[in-house]
């Protein structure tokens, strides 16, 4: 994303964050992405056990490309 994709307020917040805060935000985003993927898999496969859902989430994220 480019600076133009953010509001000036958002850019200011990002600039004021410490490196640790930015890293924690990245971890939070990653965790949220995994939770959303798991929720989608549960909807698609209501018969799956939670262990199956988590295994598939792990597989998907392990093979994700940037």
N, C-alpha and C. Protein backbone atom coordinates (compact mmCIF):
# COMPACT_ATOMS: atom_id res chain seq x y z
N UNK A 1 0.83 -1.17 0.00
CA UNK A 1 0.00 0.00 0.00
C UNK A 1 0.88 1.25 0.00
N UNK A 2 0.36 2.27 -0.57
CA UNK A 2 1.07 3.54 -0.64
C UNK A 2 0.50 4.51 0.39
N UNK A 3 1.28 5.56 0.69
CA UNK A 3 0.81 6.57 1.64
C UNK A 3 -0.54 7.15 1.23
N UNK A 4 -0.80 7.25 -0.07
CA UNK A 4 -2.05 7.82 -0.54
C UNK A 4 -3.26 6.96 -0.18
N UNK A 5 -3.01 5.71 0.16
CA UNK A 5 -4.09 4.79 0.52
C UNK A 5 -4.59 4.99 1.95
N UNK A 6 -3.91 5.82 2.72
CA UNK A 6 -4.25 6.05 4.12
C UNK A 6 -4.69 7.50 4.32
N UNK A 7 -5.53 7.70 5.32
CA UNK A 7 -5.91 9.07 5.69
C UNK A 7 -4.73 9.71 6.41
N UNK A 8 -4.64 11.04 6.40
CA UNK A 8 -3.56 11.70 7.14
C UNK A 8 -3.55 11.32 8.63
N UNK A 9 -4.73 11.13 9.20
CA UNK A 9 -4.81 10.75 10.61
C UNK A 9 -4.21 9.36 10.84
N UNK A 10 -4.53 8.46 9.93
CA UNK A 10 -4.00 7.10 10.04
C UNK A 10 -2.48 7.10 9.90
N UNK A 11 -1.97 7.86 8.94
CA UNK A 11 -0.52 7.95 8.76
C UNK A 11 0.16 8.49 10.01
N UNK A 12 -0.44 9.49 10.62
CA UNK A 12 0.14 10.07 11.83
C UNK A 12 0.19 9.04 12.95
N UNK A 13 -0.88 8.26 13.09
CA UNK A 13 -0.90 7.21 14.11
C UNK A 13 0.22 6.19 13.84
N UNK A 14 0.36 5.78 12.59
CA UNK A 14 1.41 4.81 12.25
C UNK A 14 2.80 5.37 12.51
N UNK A 15 3.01 6.64 12.19
CA UNK A 15 4.32 7.26 12.40
C UNK A 15 4.67 7.36 13.88
N UNK A 16 3.68 7.52 14.73
CA UNK A 16 3.93 7.66 16.17
C UNK A 16 4.12 6.32 16.87
N UNK A 17 3.78 5.24 16.21
CA UNK A 17 3.92 3.91 16.84
C UNK A 17 5.39 3.53 16.95
N UNK A 18 5.71 2.89 18.07
CA UNK A 18 7.06 2.37 18.23
C UNK A 18 7.20 1.10 17.38
N UNK A 19 8.43 0.69 17.11
CA UNK A 19 8.60 -0.58 16.39
C UNK A 19 7.90 -1.74 17.08
N UNK A 20 7.95 -1.77 18.42
CA UNK A 20 7.27 -2.84 19.15
C UNK A 20 5.77 -2.79 18.93
N UNK A 21 5.19 -1.60 18.94
CA UNK A 21 3.75 -1.46 18.71
C UNK A 21 3.37 -1.92 17.30
N UNK A 22 4.22 -1.58 16.33
CA UNK A 22 3.96 -2.01 14.94
C UNK A 22 4.02 -3.53 14.82
N UNK A 23 4.99 -4.14 15.50
CA UNK A 23 5.11 -5.59 15.47
C UNK A 23 3.91 -6.25 16.12
N UNK A 24 3.48 -5.71 17.26
CA UNK A 24 2.30 -6.26 17.94
C UNK A 24 1.05 -6.11 17.06
N UNK A 25 0.93 -4.99 16.36
CA UNK A 25 -0.21 -4.80 15.46
C UNK A 25 -0.17 -5.84 14.33
N UNK A 26 1.02 -6.12 13.82
CA UNK A 26 1.15 -7.13 12.76
C UNK A 26 0.75 -8.51 13.29
N UNK A 27 1.17 -8.85 14.51
CA UNK A 27 0.78 -10.12 15.10
C UNK A 27 -0.74 -10.19 15.28
N UNK A 28 -1.33 -9.09 15.72
CA UNK A 28 -2.79 -9.05 15.90
C UNK A 28 -3.51 -9.26 14.57
N UNK A 29 -3.00 -8.63 13.51
CA UNK A 29 -3.61 -8.81 12.18
C UNK A 29 -3.51 -10.26 11.72
N UNK A 30 -2.35 -10.87 11.95
CA UNK A 30 -2.15 -12.27 11.58
C UNK A 30 -3.12 -13.17 12.35
N UNK A 31 -3.22 -12.95 13.65
CA UNK A 31 -4.15 -13.75 14.46
C UNK A 31 -5.59 -13.57 13.98
N UNK A 32 -5.97 -12.35 13.65
CA UNK A 32 -7.32 -12.08 13.16
C UNK A 32 -7.57 -12.78 11.83
N UNK A 33 -6.58 -12.77 10.95
CA UNK A 33 -6.72 -13.45 9.66
C UNK A 33 -6.93 -14.95 9.87
N UNK A 34 -6.20 -15.54 10.79
CA UNK A 34 -6.36 -16.97 11.08
C UNK A 34 -7.74 -17.26 11.65
N UNK A 35 -8.21 -16.39 12.55
CA UNK A 35 -9.54 -16.57 13.14
C UNK A 35 -10.64 -16.47 12.08
N UNK A 36 -10.49 -15.51 11.17
CA UNK A 36 -11.48 -15.37 10.10
C UNK A 36 -11.47 -16.57 9.16
N UNK A 37 -10.29 -17.07 8.84
CA UNK A 37 -10.20 -18.26 7.98
C UNK A 37 -10.83 -19.46 8.68
N UNK A 38 -10.57 -19.62 9.97
CA UNK A 38 -11.17 -20.73 10.72
C UNK A 38 -12.69 -20.61 10.73
N UNK A 39 -13.21 -19.41 10.93
CA UNK A 39 -14.66 -19.21 10.92
C UNK A 39 -15.25 -19.58 9.57
N UNK A 40 -14.58 -19.19 8.50
CA UNK A 40 -15.06 -19.53 7.17
C UNK A 40 -15.06 -21.03 6.94
N UNK A 41 -14.01 -21.69 7.39
CA UNK A 41 -13.94 -23.15 7.23
C UNK A 41 -15.02 -23.85 8.04
N UNK A 42 -15.30 -23.33 9.24
CA UNK A 42 -16.38 -23.93 10.04
C UNK A 42 -17.72 -23.80 9.34
N UNK A 43 -17.94 -22.68 8.66
CA UNK A 43 -19.19 -22.50 7.92
C UNK A 43 -19.26 -23.43 6.72
N UNK A 44 -18.15 -23.60 6.03
CA UNK A 44 -18.11 -24.47 4.86
C UNK A 44 -18.18 -25.95 5.23
N UNK A 45 -17.65 -26.29 6.39
CA UNK A 45 -17.54 -27.69 6.80
C UNK A 45 -18.06 -27.86 8.23
N UNK A 46 -19.34 -27.73 8.42
CA UNK A 46 -19.89 -27.81 9.79
C UNK A 46 -19.67 -29.18 10.44
N UNK A 47 -19.36 -30.17 9.64
CA UNK A 47 -19.13 -31.52 10.18
C UNK A 47 -17.71 -31.73 10.67
N UNK A 48 -16.80 -30.80 10.39
CA UNK A 48 -15.41 -30.94 10.79
C UNK A 48 -15.25 -30.74 12.29
N UNK A 49 -14.35 -31.51 12.88
CA UNK A 49 -13.95 -31.30 14.26
C UNK A 49 -13.03 -30.08 14.32
N UNK A 50 -12.94 -29.46 15.49
CA UNK A 50 -12.09 -28.27 15.62
C UNK A 50 -10.64 -28.56 15.25
N UNK A 51 -10.17 -29.75 15.57
CA UNK A 51 -8.80 -30.12 15.21
C UNK A 51 -8.61 -30.10 13.70
N UNK A 52 -9.63 -30.54 12.95
CA UNK A 52 -9.55 -30.52 11.49
C UNK A 52 -9.51 -29.08 10.98
N UNK A 53 -10.32 -28.23 11.56
CA UNK A 53 -10.35 -26.81 11.16
C UNK A 53 -8.96 -26.21 11.38
N UNK A 54 -8.40 -26.42 12.57
CA UNK A 54 -7.11 -25.81 12.88
C UNK A 54 -5.99 -26.38 12.02
N UNK A 55 -6.07 -27.65 11.69
CA UNK A 55 -5.07 -28.25 10.80
C UNK A 55 -5.13 -27.63 9.42
N UNK A 56 -6.34 -27.40 8.92
CA UNK A 56 -6.50 -26.79 7.60
C UNK A 56 -6.05 -25.33 7.61
N UNK A 57 -6.36 -24.61 8.67
CA UNK A 57 -5.89 -23.22 8.79
C UNK A 57 -4.36 -23.20 8.75
N UNK A 58 -3.74 -24.08 9.50
CA UNK A 58 -2.28 -24.14 9.51
C UNK A 58 -1.73 -24.46 8.13
N UNK A 59 -2.35 -25.42 7.45
CA UNK A 59 -1.90 -25.79 6.11
C UNK A 59 -2.00 -24.60 5.16
N UNK A 60 -3.13 -23.91 5.21
CA UNK A 60 -3.36 -22.77 4.31
C UNK A 60 -2.33 -21.67 4.57
N UNK A 61 -2.11 -21.35 5.84
CA UNK A 61 -1.18 -20.27 6.15
C UNK A 61 0.27 -20.67 5.90
N UNK A 62 0.57 -21.94 6.06
CA UNK A 62 1.92 -22.41 5.79
C UNK A 62 2.26 -22.27 4.31
N UNK A 63 1.26 -22.47 3.45
CA UNK A 63 1.50 -22.43 2.01
C UNK A 63 1.08 -21.11 1.37
N UNK A 64 0.75 -20.12 2.17
CA UNK A 64 0.34 -18.81 1.63
C UNK A 64 1.54 -18.12 0.98
N UNK A 65 1.26 -17.41 -0.07
CA UNK A 65 2.30 -16.63 -0.75
C UNK A 65 2.00 -15.17 -0.58
N UNK A 66 3.05 -14.38 -0.54
CA UNK A 66 2.89 -12.93 -0.40
C UNK A 66 2.83 -12.26 -1.75
